[in-house]
Amino acid sequence: MIIIAGLGNPGAKYAGNRHNIGFMAVDAIQRRASFAPWSKKFRAEISEGEIAGEKVLLMKPQTFMNLSGESVGEAMRFYKLGPENIVAVYDELDLLPGKARIKTGGGSGGHNGIKSLDAHCGKDYRRLRLGIGHPGDKAHVHGYVLGDFAKADREWLDPLMDALADNAEMLVKAEDSQLMNKLALAVGGTADAPAAKPAKAPVKPAAKPTGKSHIHQARTGQQKLPEKGPMADMLKRMFGKKDD
């Protein structure tokens, strides 16, 4: 059995917040696959179903973000599961909007929902981080994550949610690199491929001088002698008239 826990805050007030992208993700999976209607258990909204032959429990903890681990930990212990059976889906400030990363274990990155999961479930669960971008100033983070996605964000948010739902089988089967590729392509990117180095422009050979030297021009009378500067002094000594 796998628990896929989307993190967020309960209630209509927070439904469209950037901080609730985890709720949005499990909602998308629940709508697309054959899952039961949402019900309440473990201080969460839950929905049971099956993906790729694996029983899956979708969770939206209703404890508020900072206590998410209490809800997920309760379900984990009820089903006698370990952290390896849990996937947490949540927002990531340090990823550009639409970018996704997945790994097992690691630090919380200052995310209070993840701190709570670490405390109640252990740290060795899989973490699917969905980028929401950063406001640029730490002082604005609180208002930013609790602000709603902008209308323009739907251009990447909707395709990202659809791709996650369409490829939930990869999430359950831990086919992480394939999943990252699908999510990247859905938002118009590529899957972690190193950027190609720009081709170097061909080096053009130095152009051959087309003009004659000052000395040649002075000798043939093609140019008047310059009146000032070191070159003028040299040419005057060579070709100028001597003072009487």
Protein backbone atom coordinates (compact mmCIF):
# COMPACT_ATOMS: atom_id res chain seq x y z
CA MET A 1 0.00 0.00 0.00
CA ILE A 2 1.11 3.52 -0.79
CA ILE A 3 0.00 6.73 0.92
CA ILE A 4 0.15 9.80 -1.31
CA ALA A 5 -0.24 12.79 0.97
CA GLY A 6 -0.78 16.21 -0.54
CA LEU A 7 0.04 19.01 1.88
CA GLY A 8 -2.00 22.16 2.30
CA ASN A 9 -4.44 24.02 4.53
CA PRO A 10 -8.12 23.08 4.83
CA GLY A 11 -11.05 25.30 3.94
CA ALA A 12 -12.22 27.45 1.04
CA LYS A 13 -10.12 30.38 2.27
CA TYR A 14 -6.91 28.55 1.35
CA ALA A 15 -8.09 26.45 -1.59
CA GLY A 16 -6.37 28.52 -4.30
CA ASN A 17 -3.18 29.27 -2.34
CA ARG A 18 0.26 28.42 -3.68
CA HIS A 19 0.81 26.58 -0.39
CA ASN A 20 -2.03 24.22 -1.38
CA ILE A 21 -0.50 22.83 -4.56
CA GLY A 22 -0.15 19.49 -2.75
CA PHE A 23 -3.93 19.34 -2.22
CA MET A 24 -4.43 20.26 -5.89
CA ALA A 25 -2.14 17.42 -6.97
CA VAL A 26 -3.97 14.68 -5.07
CA ASP A 27 -7.30 16.14 -6.19
CA ALA A 28 -6.11 15.73 -9.79
CA ILE A 29 -5.10 12.11 -9.19
CA GLN A 30 -8.38 11.36 -7.43
CA ARG A 31 -10.44 12.74 -10.32
CA ARG A 32 -8.49 10.95 -13.03
CA ALA A 33 -8.12 7.46 -11.55
CA SER A 34 -10.79 5.12 -10.14
CA PHE A 35 -10.87 6.39 -6.59
CA ALA A 36 -13.65 6.41 -4.03
CA PRO A 37 -15.26 9.74 -3.08
CA TRP A 38 -13.49 11.75 -0.42
CA SER A 39 -14.31 10.76 3.16
CA LYS A 40 -12.91 11.73 6.57
CA LYS A 41 -10.49 9.64 8.61
CA PHE A 42 -7.15 10.16 10.36
CA ARG A 43 -8.00 13.87 10.70
CA ALA A 44 -7.78 14.04 6.92
CA GLU A 45 -9.81 13.78 3.79
CA ILE A 46 -9.00 10.40 2.29
CA SER A 47 -9.81 8.53 -0.90
CA GLU A 48 -8.92 4.90 -1.59
CA GLY A 49 -8.20 3.39 -4.97
CA GLU A 50 -5.76 1.35 -6.96
CA ILE A 51 -2.99 2.33 -9.35
CA ALA A 52 -0.78 -0.14 -11.22
CA GLY A 53 -2.12 -2.99 -9.10
CA GLU A 54 -1.12 -1.19 -5.88
CA LYS A 55 -3.61 -0.07 -3.25
CA VAL A 56 -3.29 3.70 -2.83
CA LEU A 57 -4.58 5.99 -0.11
CA LEU A 58 -4.79 9.65 -1.08
CA MET A 59 -4.68 12.04 1.86
CA LYS A 60 -5.32 15.73 2.44
CA PRO A 61 -4.51 16.35 6.12
CA GLN A 62 -7.02 18.70 7.73
CA THR A 63 -4.75 19.55 10.66
CA PHE A 64 -3.38 22.65 8.87
CA MET A 65 0.00 22.55 7.20
CA ASN A 66 2.21 22.79 10.28
CA LEU A 67 0.69 19.64 11.84
CA SER A 68 0.45 17.54 8.67
CA GLY A 69 2.64 14.81 10.14
CA GLU A 70 0.15 14.06 12.91
CA SER A 71 -2.46 13.03 10.34
CA VAL A 72 -0.14 11.13 7.99
CA GLY A 73 1.62 9.41 10.89
CA GLU A 74 -1.71 8.21 12.25
CA ALA A 75 -2.59 6.59 8.91
CA MET A 76 0.89 5.12 8.58
CA ARG A 77 0.65 3.40 11.95
CA PHE A 78 -2.93 2.22 11.34
CA TYR A 79 -1.88 0.37 8.18
CA LYS A 80 1.46 -0.73 9.71
CA LEU A 81 3.44 1.01 7.01
CA GLY A 82 6.90 2.52 7.04
CA PRO A 83 8.10 5.85 5.64
CA GLU A 84 9.10 4.05 2.44
CA ASN A 85 5.37 3.65 1.74
CA ILE A 86 4.67 7.39 1.85
CA VAL A 87 4.88 10.01 -0.87
CA ALA A 88 4.48 13.65 0.21
CA VAL A 89 3.52 16.21 -2.43
CA TYR A 90 4.09 19.86 -1.56
CA ASP A 91 5.12 23.35 -2.69
CA GLU A 92 8.74 24.37 -3.13
CA LEU A 93 9.83 28.01 -3.06
CA ASP A 94 13.31 27.24 -4.36
CA LEU A 95 12.08 25.77 -7.64
CA LEU A 96 10.83 27.85 -10.55
CA PRO A 97 7.08 27.68 -11.15
CA GLY A 98 6.19 24.42 -12.89
CA LYS A 99 9.47 22.66 -12.10
CA ALA A 100 9.31 19.38 -10.18
CA ARG A 101 11.83 17.31 -8.24
CA ILE A 102 11.50 14.01 -6.38
CA LYS A 103 13.80 12.30 -3.92
CA THR A 104 13.79 10.08 -0.85
CA GLY A 105 14.73 11.63 2.46
CA GLY A 106 16.60 14.87 2.90
CA GLY A 107 16.02 18.05 4.85
CA SER A 108 12.86 20.07 5.28
CA GLY A 109 14.17 23.17 3.52
CA GLY A 110 12.32 25.22 6.14
CA HIS A 111 8.94 23.80 5.07
CA ASN A 112 6.84 23.42 8.23
CA GLY A 113 4.65 20.67 6.80
CA ILE A 114 7.73 18.60 6.01
CA LYS A 115 9.19 19.28 9.47
CA SER A 116 6.00 17.81 10.91
CA LEU A 117 6.15 14.72 8.65
CA ASP A 118 9.81 14.20 9.58
CA ALA A 119 8.87 14.28 13.27
CA HIS A 120 5.92 11.88 13.01
CA CYS A 121 6.83 9.57 10.11
CA GLY A 122 10.62 9.50 9.96
CA LYS A 123 12.58 11.07 7.13
CA ASP A 124 12.94 8.27 4.59
CA TYR A 125 9.78 8.94 2.60
CA ARG A 126 9.63 10.16 -0.98
CA ARG A 127 9.15 13.87 -1.51
CA LEU A 128 7.64 15.30 -4.67
CA ARG A 129 8.37 19.01 -4.66
CA LEU A 130 6.39 21.22 -7.02
CA GLY A 131 7.92 24.60 -7.75
CA ILE A 132 5.96 27.77 -7.06
CA GLY A 133 8.86 30.22 -7.34
CA HIS A 134 10.12 32.70 -4.76
CA PRO A 135 8.88 36.27 -4.20
CA GLY A 136 12.48 37.46 -4.07
CA ASP A 137 12.39 38.78 -0.52
CA LYS A 138 12.25 36.56 2.56
CA ALA A 139 9.98 39.08 4.27
CA HIS A 140 7.32 38.47 1.59
CA VAL A 141 7.34 34.66 1.72
CA HIS A 142 4.44 34.27 4.16
CA GLY A 143 2.08 36.42 2.12
CA TYR A 144 3.30 34.85 -1.11
CA VAL A 145 2.66 31.21 -0.20
CA LEU A 146 -0.71 32.08 1.33
CA GLY A 147 -1.65 34.07 -1.77
CA ASP A 148 -3.63 32.54 -4.61
CA PHE A 149 -2.06 31.49 -7.86
CA ALA A 150 -2.37 34.22 -10.47
CA LYS A 151 -4.54 33.69 -13.53
CA ALA A 152 -1.40 33.50 -15.67
CA ASP A 153 -0.12 30.61 -13.54
CA ARG A 154 -2.84 28.37 -14.97
CA GLU A 155 -0.75 28.14 -18.14
CA TRP A 156 1.71 25.83 -16.34
CA LEU A 157 -0.32 24.73 -13.30
CA ASP A 158 -3.13 22.99 -15.19
CA PRO A 159 -0.81 21.03 -17.54
CA LEU A 160 1.37 20.06 -14.56
CA MET A 161 -1.60 18.72 -12.59
CA ASP A 162 -2.94 16.87 -15.65
CA ALA A 163 0.45 15.28 -16.34
CA LEU A 164 0.82 14.17 -12.73
CA ALA A 165 -2.63 12.55 -12.81
CA ASP A 166 -1.99 10.94 -16.21
CA ASN A 167 1.30 9.47 -15.00
CA ALA A 168 0.39 8.59 -11.41
CA GLU A 169 1.36 5.00 -12.21
CA MET A 170 4.99 6.15 -12.49
CA LEU A 171 4.71 7.83 -9.10
CA VAL A 172 3.39 4.64 -7.49
CA LYS A 173 5.99 2.43 -9.21
CA ALA A 174 8.81 4.83 -8.24
CA GLU A 175 9.74 5.41 -11.89
CA ASP A 176 10.97 8.81 -10.86
CA SER A 177 13.15 9.81 -13.81
CA GLN A 178 10.38 8.93 -16.27
CA LEU A 179 7.87 10.90 -14.21
CA MET A 180 10.12 13.96 -14.08
CA ASN A 181 10.46 13.79 -17.85
CA LYS A 182 6.68 13.70 -18.32
CA LEU A 183 6.11 16.62 -15.95
CA ALA A 184 8.86 18.70 -17.57
CA LEU A 185 7.49 18.10 -21.06
CA ALA A 186 3.98 19.02 -19.91
CA VAL A 187 5.06 22.54 -18.99
CA GLY A 188 7.23 23.02 -22.05
CA GLY A 189 10.59 22.10 -20.58
CA THR A 190 12.99 19.20 -20.82
CA ALA A 191 13.92 16.71 -18.17
CA ASP A 192 17.10 17.91 -16.47
CA ALA A 193 19.12 17.72 -19.66
CA PRO A 194 22.19 19.91 -19.46
CA ALA A 195 21.83 22.99 -21.53
CA ALA A 196 23.66 22.80 -24.81
CA LYS A 197 26.69 25.04 -25.02
CA PRO A 198 26.24 27.79 -27.57
CA ALA A 199 28.22 27.17 -30.73
CA LYS A 200 31.29 29.29 -31.02
CA ALA A 201 31.18 31.79 -33.82
CA PRO A 202 33.85 31.07 -36.45
CA VAL A 203 36.91 33.20 -36.02
CA LYS A 204 37.29 35.41 -39.03
CA PRO A 205 40.86 35.99 -40.22
CA ALA A 206 42.11 39.49 -39.66
CA ALA A 207 41.40 41.67 -42.65
CA LYS A 208 44.45 42.64 -44.63
CA PRO A 209 45.10 46.35 -44.56
CA THR A 210 43.98 47.95 -47.75
CA GLY A 211 45.60 51.34 -47.30
CA LYS A 212 49.25 52.24 -47.89
CA SER A 213 51.53 53.06 -45.01
CA HIS A 214 52.08 56.65 -43.94
CA ILE A 215 55.69 56.36 -45.12
CA HIS A 216 54.73 55.09 -48.58
CA GLN A 217 52.05 57.78 -48.96
CA ALA A 218 54.45 60.49 -47.85
CA ARG A 219 57.20 59.22 -50.19
CA THR A 220 54.88 59.20 -53.22
CA GLY A 221 53.19 62.44 -52.33
CA GLN A 222 49.79 60.77 -52.02
CA GLN A 223 49.18 62.30 -48.63
CA LYS A 224 50.19 65.47 -46.92
CA LEU A 225 52.48 65.05 -44.00
CA PRO A 226 50.65 65.02 -40.66
CA GLU A 227 51.29 68.19 -38.73
CA LYS A 228 51.33 66.89 -35.15
CA GLY A 229 52.32 63.82 -33.19
CA PRO A 230 55.26 61.36 -33.17
CA MET A 231 54.49 60.13 -36.69
CA ALA A 232 54.49 63.73 -37.94
CA ASP A 233 57.89 64.38 -36.38
CA MET A 234 59.39 61.23 -37.88
CA LEU A 235 58.02 61.89 -41.36
CA LYS A 236 59.18 65.48 -41.28
CA ARG A 237 62.70 64.32 -40.42
CA MET A 238 62.59 61.86 -43.30
CA PHE A 239 60.88 63.87 -46.03
CA GLY A 240 60.35 67.39 -44.86
CA LYS A 241 62.43 70.34 -45.94
CA LYS A 242 65.29 71.22 -43.68
CA ASP A 243 65.13 74.63 -42.03
CA ASP A 244 67.29 77.25 -43.63
